[in-house]
Amino acid sequence: MNLNKLLPLFLFLPLGACSSVGYGDPDAVETINIDYGSTDLQGFAAKMVESMNTAPSLNYFEHPGKSQDKRVVVYFGGIDNATSEHIDTGSIRDSIQTSLLKGGKFRFVSGKPGQQEIGDQVAFQQGSGRVDPTQAKAFGRQLGADVVVYGTLRSIEKHKGRSLESGGMKTDDVYYKFTLQCDSIETAEVLWMEEKELRKTAKTGLFGG
C-alpha cells in the first residue's frame, strides 16, 4: 500500500475527531432551524402569563365554600398538539403554571400525575400501619378548583421549491397559533381567552440542502 496516498487521510483524521461541548444562554433566541424550539415556548408562555395576570375576570372567585382567600383555584388541563411536529406541549403548560404560581395571584390543584401520587400516599398512610393514625391523611379535604385552563397549539406549513424566479432559493414557512382559555367549572362560562401567533421563515440557497 502506498503510504504517500494514506498520509493526507491521517492528516484530516484529528479534524474529524474533534468535538466541543459548551453551555449557552437558555434565553437566547434560537435560530438553528425553522422547527418549534425554546424561543417559541418562552414566547407563548410569557404572553399567556401576562394576559392571565391582568385579566379582570380572574381577580377573585366567590364561592360559599371558600375561605377568606378568594384567589382563583385553577386546574390546568391539557394542551392539544394539533401541529405536524412532535411537540411536548406539557413544557408549555409547566412554564405557564410555574410563572403564575410564583406570581401569587392564583392557586393550583394537582393534575393527573399529582393525583396519582397523592392517592398512592393516602393509601399508604391509611393502610400500611406504619403511619401515626393521628397524622395519617385522608381523602375529602382537597381544594375544589374554580376554573379549568386548557388550550391548543396549531400550525400551518408552506413550502416553495427552487426556481429561476427565486434565484434558486428554497423557502419554508411555518405559522403557529397558540390558544389558551379558562372556563368556570360550575357554569361552563368562558372567563378568559388569549392567543399568540408567530411565523418563522427559512430560505435555503443551492448549496444549503
N, C-alpha and C. Protein backbone atom coordinates (compact mmCIF):
# COMPACT_ATOMS: atom_id res chain seq x y z
N MET A 1 0.85 -1.19 0.00
CA MET A 1 0.00 0.00 0.00
C MET A 1 0.89 1.24 0.00
N ASN A 2 0.51 2.24 -0.79
CA ASN A 2 1.29 3.46 -0.92
C ASN A 2 1.05 4.36 0.28
N LEU A 3 2.07 4.54 1.11
CA LEU A 3 1.93 5.37 2.31
C LEU A 3 1.73 6.84 1.96
N ASN A 4 2.26 7.25 0.82
CA ASN A 4 2.10 8.65 0.41
C ASN A 4 0.64 9.00 0.17
N LYS A 5 -0.13 8.02 -0.30
CA LYS A 5 -1.55 8.25 -0.53
C LYS A 5 -2.34 8.28 0.77
N LEU A 6 -1.89 7.51 1.77
CA LEU A 6 -2.60 7.45 3.04
C LEU A 6 -2.30 8.64 3.93
N LEU A 7 -1.16 9.29 3.73
CA LEU A 7 -0.75 10.38 4.61
C LEU A 7 -1.77 11.51 4.68
N PRO A 8 -2.35 11.98 3.57
CA PRO A 8 -3.35 13.05 3.66
C PRO A 8 -4.56 12.65 4.49
N LEU A 9 -4.93 11.37 4.43
CA LEU A 9 -6.08 10.91 5.21
C LEU A 9 -5.81 11.02 6.70
N PHE A 10 -4.60 10.63 7.10
CA PHE A 10 -4.24 10.71 8.52
C PHE A 10 -4.18 12.15 9.00
N LEU A 11 -3.82 13.06 8.12
CA LEU A 11 -3.75 14.47 8.49
C LEU A 11 -5.13 15.03 8.82
N PHE A 12 -6.17 14.52 8.14
CA PHE A 12 -7.53 15.02 8.35
C PHE A 12 -8.25 14.32 9.49
N LEU A 13 -7.75 13.18 9.93
CA LEU A 13 -8.42 12.44 10.99
C LEU A 13 -8.59 13.24 12.28
N PRO A 14 -7.58 13.96 12.77
CA PRO A 14 -7.77 14.73 14.01
C PRO A 14 -8.87 15.77 13.88
N LEU A 15 -8.97 16.36 12.68
CA LEU A 15 -10.00 17.38 12.48
C LEU A 15 -11.39 16.78 12.59
N GLY A 16 -11.57 15.58 12.02
CA GLY A 16 -12.87 14.94 12.05
C GLY A 16 -13.23 14.41 13.42
N ALA A 17 -12.21 14.11 14.23
CA ALA A 17 -12.47 13.52 15.54
C ALA A 17 -12.72 14.56 16.61
N CYS A 18 -12.44 15.82 16.30
CA CYS A 18 -12.61 16.88 17.29
C CYS A 18 -14.09 17.18 17.51
N SER A 19 -14.44 17.49 18.75
CA SER A 19 -15.80 17.92 19.08
C SER A 19 -15.72 18.84 20.28
N SER A 20 -16.77 19.61 20.49
CA SER A 20 -16.78 20.53 21.62
C SER A 20 -18.16 20.57 22.24
N VAL A 21 -18.19 20.79 23.54
CA VAL A 21 -19.43 20.91 24.29
C VAL A 21 -19.38 22.19 25.11
N GLY A 22 -20.45 22.94 25.09
CA GLY A 22 -20.47 24.18 25.85
C GLY A 22 -21.88 24.52 26.29
N TYR A 23 -21.99 25.41 27.26
CA TYR A 23 -23.28 25.88 27.74
C TYR A 23 -23.65 27.16 27.01
N GLY A 24 -24.94 27.31 26.75
CA GLY A 24 -25.43 28.53 26.12
C GLY A 24 -26.49 29.19 26.98
N ASP A 25 -26.86 30.38 26.62
CA ASP A 25 -27.89 31.13 27.33
C ASP A 25 -29.26 30.56 26.99
N PRO A 26 -30.01 29.99 27.97
CA PRO A 26 -31.32 29.40 27.65
C PRO A 26 -32.34 30.42 27.18
N ASP A 27 -32.07 31.71 27.43
CA ASP A 27 -33.00 32.76 26.99
C ASP A 27 -32.61 33.36 25.65
N ALA A 28 -31.48 32.92 25.09
CA ALA A 28 -31.05 33.45 23.80
C ALA A 28 -32.00 32.98 22.69
N VAL A 29 -32.14 33.80 21.66
CA VAL A 29 -33.02 33.45 20.54
C VAL A 29 -32.43 32.26 19.79
N GLU A 30 -33.25 31.24 19.59
CA GLU A 30 -32.82 30.02 18.91
C GLU A 30 -33.16 30.11 17.43
N THR A 31 -32.13 30.01 16.58
CA THR A 31 -32.35 30.12 15.14
C THR A 31 -31.65 29.00 14.38
N ILE A 32 -31.51 27.84 15.00
CA ILE A 32 -30.81 26.73 14.35
C ILE A 32 -31.58 26.26 13.12
N ASN A 33 -32.89 26.14 13.25
CA ASN A 33 -33.73 25.75 12.12
C ASN A 33 -35.14 26.31 12.31
N ILE A 34 -36.03 25.97 11.40
CA ILE A 34 -37.37 26.53 11.42
C ILE A 34 -38.31 25.80 12.37
N ASP A 35 -37.90 24.66 12.89
CA ASP A 35 -38.76 23.86 13.75
C ASP A 35 -39.06 24.58 15.07
N TYR A 36 -40.13 24.14 15.71
CA TYR A 36 -40.51 24.66 17.02
C TYR A 36 -39.35 24.49 18.00
N GLY A 37 -39.08 25.55 18.78
CA GLY A 37 -37.96 25.49 19.70
C GLY A 37 -38.20 26.24 20.98
N SER A 38 -37.13 26.42 21.76
CA SER A 38 -37.24 27.01 23.09
C SER A 38 -37.71 28.46 23.05
N THR A 39 -37.29 29.21 22.04
CA THR A 39 -37.72 30.61 21.94
C THR A 39 -39.23 30.70 21.72
N ASP A 40 -39.78 29.78 20.96
CA ASP A 40 -41.22 29.75 20.73
C ASP A 40 -41.95 29.43 22.03
N LEU A 41 -41.46 28.44 22.76
CA LEU A 41 -42.07 28.06 24.04
C LEU A 41 -42.10 29.25 24.99
N GLN A 42 -40.96 29.94 25.11
CA GLN A 42 -40.87 31.07 26.02
C GLN A 42 -41.80 32.20 25.61
N GLY A 43 -41.92 32.43 24.30
CA GLY A 43 -42.81 33.48 23.82
C GLY A 43 -44.27 33.17 24.10
N PHE A 44 -44.67 31.93 23.86
CA PHE A 44 -46.06 31.52 24.14
C PHE A 44 -46.37 31.66 25.63
N ALA A 45 -45.48 31.14 26.46
CA ALA A 45 -45.72 31.16 27.90
C ALA A 45 -45.79 32.58 28.44
N ALA A 46 -44.87 33.44 28.02
CA ALA A 46 -44.84 34.82 28.52
C ALA A 46 -46.12 35.56 28.18
N LYS A 47 -46.62 35.37 26.98
CA LYS A 47 -47.86 36.04 26.57
C LYS A 47 -49.03 35.61 27.43
N MET A 48 -49.16 34.31 27.67
CA MET A 48 -50.30 33.81 28.44
C MET A 48 -50.22 34.21 29.91
N VAL A 49 -49.03 34.20 30.46
CA VAL A 49 -48.86 34.59 31.87
C VAL A 49 -49.23 36.05 32.06
N GLU A 50 -48.76 36.91 31.17
CA GLU A 50 -49.08 38.33 31.27
C GLU A 50 -50.58 38.57 31.14
N SER A 51 -51.22 37.88 30.20
CA SER A 51 -52.65 38.07 29.97
C SER A 51 -53.48 37.58 31.14
N MET A 52 -53.14 36.41 31.68
CA MET A 52 -53.90 35.88 32.81
C MET A 52 -53.74 36.74 34.06
N ASN A 53 -52.54 37.23 34.28
CA ASN A 53 -52.28 38.04 35.47
C ASN A 53 -53.01 39.38 35.44
N THR A 54 -53.35 39.85 34.25
CA THR A 54 -54.01 41.15 34.13
C THR A 54 -55.49 41.03 33.78
N ALA A 55 -56.02 39.81 33.72
CA ALA A 55 -57.43 39.61 33.36
C ALA A 55 -58.34 39.98 34.53
N PRO A 56 -59.23 40.98 34.38
CA PRO A 56 -60.14 41.37 35.47
C PRO A 56 -61.06 40.23 35.91
N SER A 57 -61.45 39.38 34.97
CA SER A 57 -62.39 38.30 35.29
C SER A 57 -61.76 37.22 36.17
N LEU A 58 -60.44 37.28 36.35
CA LEU A 58 -59.74 36.26 37.14
C LEU A 58 -59.11 36.86 38.40
N ASN A 59 -59.60 38.03 38.81
CA ASN A 59 -59.04 38.67 40.00
C ASN A 59 -59.37 37.90 41.28
N TYR A 60 -60.60 37.41 41.37
CA TYR A 60 -61.01 36.63 42.54
C TYR A 60 -62.22 35.79 42.16
N PHE A 61 -62.58 34.85 43.02
CA PHE A 61 -63.70 33.96 42.71
C PHE A 61 -64.48 33.70 43.99
N GLU A 62 -65.71 34.17 44.03
CA GLU A 62 -66.56 33.98 45.20
C GLU A 62 -67.23 32.60 45.14
N HIS A 63 -67.28 31.95 46.29
CA HIS A 63 -67.98 30.67 46.40
C HIS A 63 -68.28 30.42 47.87
N PRO A 64 -69.48 29.94 48.19
CA PRO A 64 -69.85 29.74 49.60
C PRO A 64 -68.86 28.88 50.38
N GLY A 65 -68.25 27.92 49.73
CA GLY A 65 -67.35 27.02 50.43
C GLY A 65 -65.93 27.53 50.59
N LYS A 66 -65.63 28.70 50.01
CA LYS A 66 -64.27 29.22 50.07
C LYS A 66 -64.03 29.98 51.37
N SER A 67 -62.78 30.00 51.77
CA SER A 67 -62.39 30.74 52.97
C SER A 67 -62.20 32.21 52.60
N GLN A 68 -61.50 32.94 53.43
CA GLN A 68 -61.25 34.35 53.13
C GLN A 68 -60.30 34.52 51.95
N ASP A 69 -59.59 33.49 51.60
CA ASP A 69 -58.70 33.54 50.44
C ASP A 69 -59.54 33.37 49.18
N LYS A 70 -59.79 34.47 48.47
CA LYS A 70 -60.67 34.44 47.30
C LYS A 70 -59.91 34.27 45.98
N ARG A 71 -58.63 33.96 46.06
CA ARG A 71 -57.89 33.75 44.82
C ARG A 71 -58.50 32.60 44.02
N VAL A 72 -58.41 32.72 42.71
CA VAL A 72 -58.95 31.69 41.82
C VAL A 72 -58.13 30.41 41.95
N VAL A 73 -58.84 29.29 42.16
CA VAL A 73 -58.19 27.98 42.24
C VAL A 73 -58.27 27.34 40.86
N VAL A 74 -57.12 27.00 40.30
CA VAL A 74 -57.02 26.57 38.90
C VAL A 74 -56.67 25.09 38.80
N TYR A 75 -57.39 24.41 37.90
CA TYR A 75 -56.96 23.09 37.45
C TYR A 75 -56.42 23.28 36.04
N PHE A 76 -55.15 22.99 35.82
CA PHE A 76 -54.54 23.18 34.50
C PHE A 76 -54.66 21.87 33.73
N GLY A 77 -55.51 21.88 32.72
CA GLY A 77 -55.72 20.69 31.90
C GLY A 77 -54.65 20.53 30.84
N GLY A 78 -55.00 19.90 29.75
CA GLY A 78 -54.03 19.61 28.71
C GLY A 78 -53.95 20.67 27.64
N ILE A 79 -52.86 20.63 26.89
CA ILE A 79 -52.68 21.47 25.71
C ILE A 79 -52.55 20.54 24.52
N ASP A 80 -53.50 20.60 23.63
CA ASP A 80 -53.54 19.70 22.48
C ASP A 80 -52.53 20.14 21.42
N ASN A 81 -51.75 19.20 20.92
CA ASN A 81 -50.81 19.47 19.85
C ASN A 81 -51.47 19.14 18.51
N ALA A 82 -51.92 20.18 17.81
CA ALA A 82 -52.57 20.00 16.52
C ALA A 82 -51.63 20.33 15.36
N THR A 83 -50.33 20.29 15.63
CA THR A 83 -49.34 20.53 14.58
C THR A 83 -48.88 19.20 14.00
N SER A 84 -48.04 19.27 12.97
CA SER A 84 -47.48 18.05 12.39
C SER A 84 -46.17 17.65 13.06
N GLU A 85 -45.72 18.46 14.02
CA GLU A 85 -44.46 18.19 14.71
C GLU A 85 -44.71 17.43 16.02
N HIS A 86 -43.69 16.75 16.48
CA HIS A 86 -43.75 16.08 17.79
C HIS A 86 -43.32 17.09 18.85
N ILE A 87 -44.29 17.81 19.41
CA ILE A 87 -44.02 18.88 20.36
C ILE A 87 -44.51 18.48 21.74
N ASP A 88 -43.65 18.65 22.72
CA ASP A 88 -44.02 18.38 24.11
C ASP A 88 -44.77 19.59 24.66
N THR A 89 -46.08 19.60 24.50
CA THR A 89 -46.87 20.74 24.97
C THR A 89 -46.93 20.81 26.49
N GLY A 90 -46.57 19.71 27.15
CA GLY A 90 -46.50 19.75 28.60
C GLY A 90 -45.48 20.76 29.11
N SER A 91 -44.44 21.01 28.32
CA SER A 91 -43.44 22.00 28.71
C SER A 91 -44.04 23.40 28.71
N ILE A 92 -44.93 23.68 27.76
CA ILE A 92 -45.60 24.98 27.74
C ILE A 92 -46.45 25.13 28.99
N ARG A 93 -47.23 24.10 29.28
CA ARG A 93 -48.09 24.12 30.47
C ARG A 93 -47.27 24.33 31.73
N ASP A 94 -46.17 23.60 31.86
CA ASP A 94 -45.33 23.71 33.05
C ASP A 94 -44.76 25.12 33.21
N SER A 95 -44.32 25.71 32.11
CA SER A 95 -43.74 27.06 32.17
C SER A 95 -44.79 28.08 32.60
N ILE A 96 -46.00 27.96 32.05
CA ILE A 96 -47.07 28.90 32.41
C ILE A 96 -47.45 28.74 33.87
N GLN A 97 -47.66 27.50 34.30
CA GLN A 97 -48.09 27.26 35.68
C GLN A 97 -47.02 27.70 36.68
N THR A 98 -45.76 27.43 36.37
CA THR A 98 -44.68 27.83 37.27
C THR A 98 -44.65 29.34 37.46
N SER A 99 -44.76 30.09 36.37
CA SER A 99 -44.72 31.55 36.46
C SER A 99 -45.93 32.09 37.20
N LEU A 100 -47.11 31.53 36.93
CA LEU A 100 -48.32 32.00 37.61
C LEU A 100 -48.27 31.69 39.10
N LEU A 101 -47.78 30.52 39.44
CA LEU A 101 -47.69 30.14 40.85
C LEU A 101 -46.71 31.05 41.60
N LYS A 102 -45.59 31.36 40.97
CA LYS A 102 -44.62 32.26 41.59
C LYS A 102 -45.20 33.66 41.75
N GLY A 103 -46.08 34.06 40.82
CA GLY A 103 -46.68 35.39 40.90
C GLY A 103 -47.62 35.56 42.07
N GLY A 104 -48.22 34.47 42.55
CA GLY A 104 -49.05 34.51 43.74
C GLY A 104 -50.50 34.89 43.54
N LYS A 105 -50.92 35.18 42.31
CA LYS A 105 -52.32 35.57 42.09
C LYS A 105 -53.25 34.37 42.10
N PHE A 106 -52.76 33.22 41.68
CA PHE A 106 -53.59 32.03 41.53
C PHE A 106 -53.15 30.92 42.48
N ARG A 107 -54.09 30.04 42.77
CA ARG A 107 -53.80 28.80 43.48
C ARG A 107 -54.05 27.65 42.50
N PHE A 108 -53.32 26.56 42.65
CA PHE A 108 -53.45 25.44 41.73
C PHE A 108 -53.70 24.14 42.49
N VAL A 109 -54.50 23.28 41.88
CA VAL A 109 -54.67 21.93 42.40
C VAL A 109 -53.91 20.97 41.49
N SER A 110 -53.55 19.83 42.03
CA SER A 110 -52.74 18.87 41.29
C SER A 110 -53.49 18.32 40.08
N GLY A 111 -52.71 18.06 39.02
CA GLY A 111 -53.26 17.42 37.84
C GLY A 111 -53.23 15.91 37.99
N LYS A 112 -53.40 15.20 36.89
CA LYS A 112 -53.49 13.75 36.94
C LYS A 112 -52.26 13.07 37.53
N PRO A 113 -51.03 13.47 37.13
CA PRO A 113 -49.86 12.81 37.75
C PRO A 113 -49.81 13.04 39.26
N GLY A 114 -50.10 14.27 39.68
CA GLY A 114 -50.08 14.58 41.10
C GLY A 114 -51.15 13.83 41.87
N GLN A 115 -52.34 13.71 41.29
CA GLN A 115 -53.43 12.99 41.96
C GLN A 115 -53.09 11.52 42.14
N GLN A 116 -52.39 10.95 41.17
CA GLN A 116 -51.97 9.55 41.30
C GLN A 116 -50.98 9.38 42.45
N GLU A 117 -50.03 10.31 42.53
CA GLU A 117 -49.05 10.25 43.61
C GLU A 117 -49.72 10.46 44.97
N ILE A 118 -50.66 11.42 45.02
CA ILE A 118 -51.38 11.68 46.27
C ILE A 118 -52.19 10.46 46.68
N GLY A 119 -52.87 9.84 45.71
CA GLY A 119 -53.67 8.65 46.00
C GLY A 119 -52.83 7.52 46.56
N ASP A 120 -51.65 7.33 45.97
CA ASP A 120 -50.75 6.28 46.46
C ASP A 120 -50.31 6.56 47.90
N GLN A 121 -50.03 7.83 48.18
CA GLN A 121 -49.56 8.18 49.51
C GLN A 121 -50.67 8.08 50.56
N VAL A 122 -51.90 8.49 50.20
CA VAL A 122 -53.02 8.34 51.13
C VAL A 122 -53.27 6.87 51.43
N ALA A 123 -53.22 6.04 50.39
CA ALA A 123 -53.42 4.60 50.59
C ALA A 123 -52.35 4.03 51.51
N PHE A 124 -51.12 4.49 51.35
CA PHE A 124 -50.03 4.02 52.21
C PHE A 124 -50.26 4.46 53.66
N GLN A 125 -50.60 5.73 53.85
CA GLN A 125 -50.78 6.24 55.21
C GLN A 125 -51.97 5.58 55.91
N GLN A 126 -53.01 5.28 55.15
CA GLN A 126 -54.22 4.71 55.75
C GLN A 126 -54.12 3.20 55.95
N GLY A 127 -53.39 2.53 55.07
CA GLY A 127 -53.45 1.07 55.09
C GLY A 127 -52.19 0.33 55.45
N SER A 128 -51.06 1.02 55.55
CA SER A 128 -49.81 0.30 55.80
C SER A 128 -49.58 -0.01 57.27
N GLY A 129 -50.22 0.73 58.15
CA GLY A 129 -49.99 0.56 59.58
C GLY A 129 -48.68 1.16 60.06
N ARG A 130 -47.99 1.87 59.19
CA ARG A 130 -46.69 2.44 59.55
C ARG A 130 -46.78 3.91 59.99
N VAL A 131 -47.92 4.53 59.73
CA VAL A 131 -48.06 5.97 59.99
C VAL A 131 -48.92 6.19 61.23
N ASP A 132 -48.53 7.14 62.05
CA ASP A 132 -49.30 7.51 63.24
C ASP A 132 -50.72 7.86 62.80
N PRO A 133 -51.74 7.15 63.30
CA PRO A 133 -53.12 7.39 62.88
C PRO A 133 -53.57 8.84 63.07
N THR A 134 -53.01 9.53 64.04
CA THR A 134 -53.40 10.93 64.26
C THR A 134 -52.82 11.86 63.20
N GLN A 135 -51.84 11.37 62.45
CA GLN A 135 -51.22 12.18 61.41
C GLN A 135 -51.54 11.69 60.00
N ALA A 136 -52.18 10.54 59.89
CA ALA A 136 -52.49 9.97 58.58
C ALA A 136 -53.52 10.83 57.86
N LYS A 137 -53.24 11.14 56.62
CA LYS A 137 -54.14 11.96 55.80
C LYS A 137 -55.22 11.10 55.17
N ALA A 138 -56.36 11.73 54.89
CA ALA A 138 -57.49 11.03 54.28
C ALA A 138 -58.05 11.87 53.15
N PHE A 139 -58.82 11.22 52.29
CA PHE A 139 -59.48 11.95 51.21
C PHE A 139 -60.63 12.80 51.76
N GLY A 140 -61.05 13.77 50.96
CA GLY A 140 -62.20 14.59 51.33
C GLY A 140 -61.86 16.00 51.77
N ARG A 141 -60.57 16.36 51.71
CA ARG A 141 -60.16 17.69 52.17
C ARG A 141 -59.48 18.51 51.06
N GLN A 142 -59.47 18.00 49.85
CA GLN A 142 -58.80 18.72 48.77
C GLN A 142 -59.58 19.97 48.38
N LEU A 143 -58.85 20.94 47.84
CA LEU A 143 -59.48 22.14 47.30
C LEU A 143 -60.27 21.78 46.05
N GLY A 144 -61.40 22.43 45.87
CA GLY A 144 -62.16 22.27 44.64
C GLY A 144 -61.80 23.38 43.68
N ALA A 145 -61.34 23.03 42.49
CA ALA A 145 -60.93 24.05 41.52
C ALA A 145 -62.13 24.89 41.09
N ASP A 146 -61.88 26.17 40.88
CA ASP A 146 -62.91 27.09 40.38
C ASP A 146 -62.98 27.07 38.86
N VAL A 147 -61.81 26.92 38.24
CA VAL A 147 -61.73 27.02 36.78
C VAL A 147 -60.81 25.93 36.24
N VAL A 148 -60.97 25.66 34.95
CA VAL A 148 -60.06 24.76 34.25
C VAL A 148 -59.44 25.54 33.10
N VAL A 149 -58.14 25.38 32.93
CA VAL A 149 -57.41 26.04 31.85
C VAL A 149 -56.91 24.97 30.89
N TYR A 150 -57.12 25.20 29.59
CA TYR A 150 -56.68 24.25 28.58
C TYR A 150 -56.48 24.98 27.26
N GLY A 151 -55.85 24.35 26.29
CA GLY A 151 -55.59 25.05 25.04
C GLY A 151 -55.17 24.15 23.91
N THR A 152 -54.79 24.79 22.80
CA THR A 152 -54.41 24.08 21.58
C THR A 152 -53.29 24.83 20.87
N LEU A 153 -52.31 24.08 20.38
CA LEU A 153 -51.25 24.63 19.54
C LEU A 153 -51.45 24.12 18.12
N ARG A 154 -51.60 25.06 17.18
CA ARG A 154 -51.84 24.71 15.77
C ARG A 154 -50.74 25.29 14.90
N SER A 155 -50.61 24.74 13.70
CA SER A 155 -49.61 25.27 12.77
C SER A 155 -50.08 25.10 11.33
N ILE A 156 -49.57 25.99 10.48
CA ILE A 156 -49.78 25.89 9.03
C ILE A 156 -48.40 25.97 8.38
N GLU A 157 -48.08 24.99 7.56
CA GLU A 157 -46.77 24.96 6.92
C GLU A 157 -46.90 25.16 5.41
N LYS A 158 -45.99 25.96 4.86
CA LYS A 158 -45.95 26.20 3.42
C LYS A 158 -44.51 26.02 2.94
N HIS A 159 -44.36 25.42 1.76
CA HIS A 159 -43.04 25.19 1.20
C HIS A 159 -43.02 25.61 -0.26
N LYS A 160 -41.97 26.28 -0.68
CA LYS A 160 -41.81 26.71 -2.07
C LYS A 160 -40.45 26.24 -2.56
N GLY A 161 -40.46 25.42 -3.61
CA GLY A 161 -39.22 24.87 -4.12
C GLY A 161 -38.39 25.87 -4.88
N ARG A 162 -37.20 25.45 -5.26
CA ARG A 162 -36.30 26.32 -6.01
C ARG A 162 -36.82 26.55 -7.43
N SER A 163 -36.57 27.75 -7.93
CA SER A 163 -36.98 28.09 -9.29
C SER A 163 -36.07 29.20 -9.80
N LEU A 164 -36.14 29.45 -11.10
CA LEU A 164 -35.36 30.55 -11.68
C LEU A 164 -35.83 31.88 -11.11
N GLU A 165 -37.14 31.97 -10.88
CA GLU A 165 -37.72 33.21 -10.36
C GLU A 165 -37.19 33.54 -8.96
N SER A 166 -36.97 32.49 -8.16
CA SER A 166 -36.49 32.71 -6.79
C SER A 166 -34.97 32.72 -6.70
N GLY A 167 -34.32 32.64 -7.85
CA GLY A 167 -32.86 32.64 -7.83
C GLY A 167 -32.27 31.38 -7.24
N GLY A 168 -33.01 30.28 -7.33
CA GLY A 168 -32.53 29.01 -6.79
C GLY A 168 -32.74 28.85 -5.30
N MET A 169 -33.49 29.76 -4.69
CA MET A 169 -33.74 29.69 -3.25
C MET A 169 -34.96 28.82 -2.95
N LYS A 170 -34.86 28.03 -1.88
CA LYS A 170 -35.98 27.24 -1.38
C LYS A 170 -36.51 27.93 -0.13
N THR A 171 -37.84 28.06 -0.03
CA THR A 171 -38.45 28.76 1.10
C THR A 171 -39.36 27.83 1.89
N ASP A 172 -39.16 27.82 3.20
CA ASP A 172 -40.03 27.08 4.12
C ASP A 172 -40.63 28.07 5.10
N ASP A 173 -41.94 27.98 5.28
CA ASP A 173 -42.65 28.92 6.15
C ASP A 173 -43.57 28.14 7.08
N VAL A 174 -43.53 28.47 8.36
CA VAL A 174 -44.43 27.83 9.32
C VAL A 174 -45.06 28.91 10.20
N TYR A 175 -46.37 28.79 10.36
CA TYR A 175 -47.16 29.72 11.18
C TYR A 175 -47.72 28.95 12.36
N TYR A 176 -47.52 29.47 13.56
CA TYR A 176 -48.05 28.84 14.77
C TYR A 176 -49.10 29.75 15.40
N LYS A 177 -50.14 29.12 15.93
CA LYS A 177 -51.11 29.84 16.75
C LYS A 177 -51.39 29.02 18.00
N PHE A 178 -51.13 29.65 19.15
CA PHE A 178 -51.35 29.00 20.44
C PHE A 178 -52.53 29.69 21.12
N THR A 179 -53.56 28.92 21.43
CA THR A 179 -54.76 29.45 22.08
C THR A 179 -54.93 28.79 23.43
N LEU A 180 -55.22 29.61 24.43
CA LEU A 180 -55.45 29.12 25.79
C LEU A 180 -56.72 29.76 26.32
N GLN A 181 -57.53 28.98 27.04
CA GLN A 181 -58.76 29.54 27.61
C GLN A 181 -59.01 29.01 29.01
N CYS A 182 -59.84 29.76 29.73
CA CYS A 182 -60.15 29.45 31.12
C CYS A 182 -61.67 29.44 31.28
N ASP A 183 -62.22 28.29 31.70
CA ASP A 183 -63.67 28.12 31.85
C ASP A 183 -64.04 27.92 33.31
N SER A 184 -65.19 28.46 33.69
CA SER A 184 -65.74 28.19 35.02
C SER A 184 -66.21 26.75 35.07
N ILE A 185 -65.78 26.00 36.07
CA ILE A 185 -66.19 24.61 36.19
C ILE A 185 -67.66 24.51 36.57
N GLU A 186 -68.15 25.46 37.34
CA GLU A 186 -69.53 25.42 37.81
C GLU A 186 -70.53 25.80 36.73
N THR A 187 -70.21 26.82 35.93
CA THR A 187 -71.18 27.33 34.95
C THR A 187 -70.79 27.06 33.51
N ALA A 188 -69.55 26.62 33.26
CA ALA A 188 -69.01 26.40 31.91
C ALA A 188 -68.83 27.70 31.13
N GLU A 189 -68.93 28.82 31.80
CA GLU A 189 -68.71 30.12 31.14
C GLU A 189 -67.23 30.29 30.82
N VAL A 190 -66.95 30.78 29.62
CA VAL A 190 -65.57 31.09 29.25
C VAL A 190 -65.22 32.44 29.87
N LEU A 191 -64.32 32.42 30.85
CA LEU A 191 -63.98 33.63 31.60
C LEU A 191 -62.82 34.40 30.98
N TRP A 192 -61.98 33.69 30.26
CA TRP A 192 -60.79 34.33 29.69
C TRP A 192 -60.30 33.50 28.52
N MET A 193 -59.75 34.20 27.53
CA MET A 193 -59.21 33.51 26.36
C MET A 193 -58.13 34.39 25.74
N GLU A 194 -57.06 33.76 25.30
CA GLU A 194 -55.95 34.51 24.70
C GLU A 194 -55.29 33.67 23.62
N GLU A 195 -54.67 34.34 22.65
CA GLU A 195 -53.93 33.62 21.63
C GLU A 195 -52.63 34.36 21.31
N LYS A 196 -51.67 33.59 20.88
CA LYS A 196 -50.37 34.11 20.49
C LYS A 196 -50.00 33.50 19.15
N GLU A 197 -49.62 34.36 18.20
CA GLU A 197 -49.25 33.91 16.87
C GLU A 197 -47.78 34.21 16.61
N LEU A 198 -47.16 33.38 15.80
CA LEU A 198 -45.81 33.68 15.32
C LEU A 198 -45.57 32.97 13.99
N ARG A 199 -44.68 33.55 13.21
CA ARG A 199 -44.35 32.99 11.90
C ARG A 199 -42.83 32.88 11.77
N LYS A 200 -42.38 31.77 11.21
CA LYS A 200 -40.95 31.55 11.00
C LYS A 200 -40.72 31.20 9.53
N THR A 201 -39.73 31.85 8.93
CA THR A 201 -39.42 31.61 7.52
C THR A 201 -37.94 31.30 7.36
N ALA A 202 -37.66 30.28 6.58
CA ALA A 202 -36.27 29.90 6.30
C ALA A 202 -36.06 29.86 4.80
N LYS A 203 -34.99 30.51 4.33
CA LYS A 203 -34.62 30.49 2.92
C LYS A 203 -33.29 29.77 2.77
N THR A 204 -33.26 28.81 1.87
CA THR A 204 -32.07 27.98 1.68
C THR A 204 -31.57 28.10 0.26
N GLY A 205 -30.26 28.37 0.12
CA GLY A 205 -29.66 28.50 -1.20
C GLY A 205 -29.39 27.15 -1.85
N LEU A 206 -28.75 27.20 -3.01
CA LEU A 206 -28.50 25.98 -3.78
C LEU A 206 -27.65 24.97 -3.02
N PHE A 207 -26.74 25.45 -2.21
CA PHE A 207 -25.82 24.55 -1.51
C PHE A 207 -26.19 24.40 -0.04
N GLY A 208 -27.42 24.78 0.32
CA GLY A 208 -27.84 24.70 1.71
C GLY A 208 -28.64 23.47 2.05
N GLY A 209 -28.81 22.56 1.13
CA GLY A 209 -29.55 21.33 1.42
C GLY A 209 -30.94 21.35 0.86
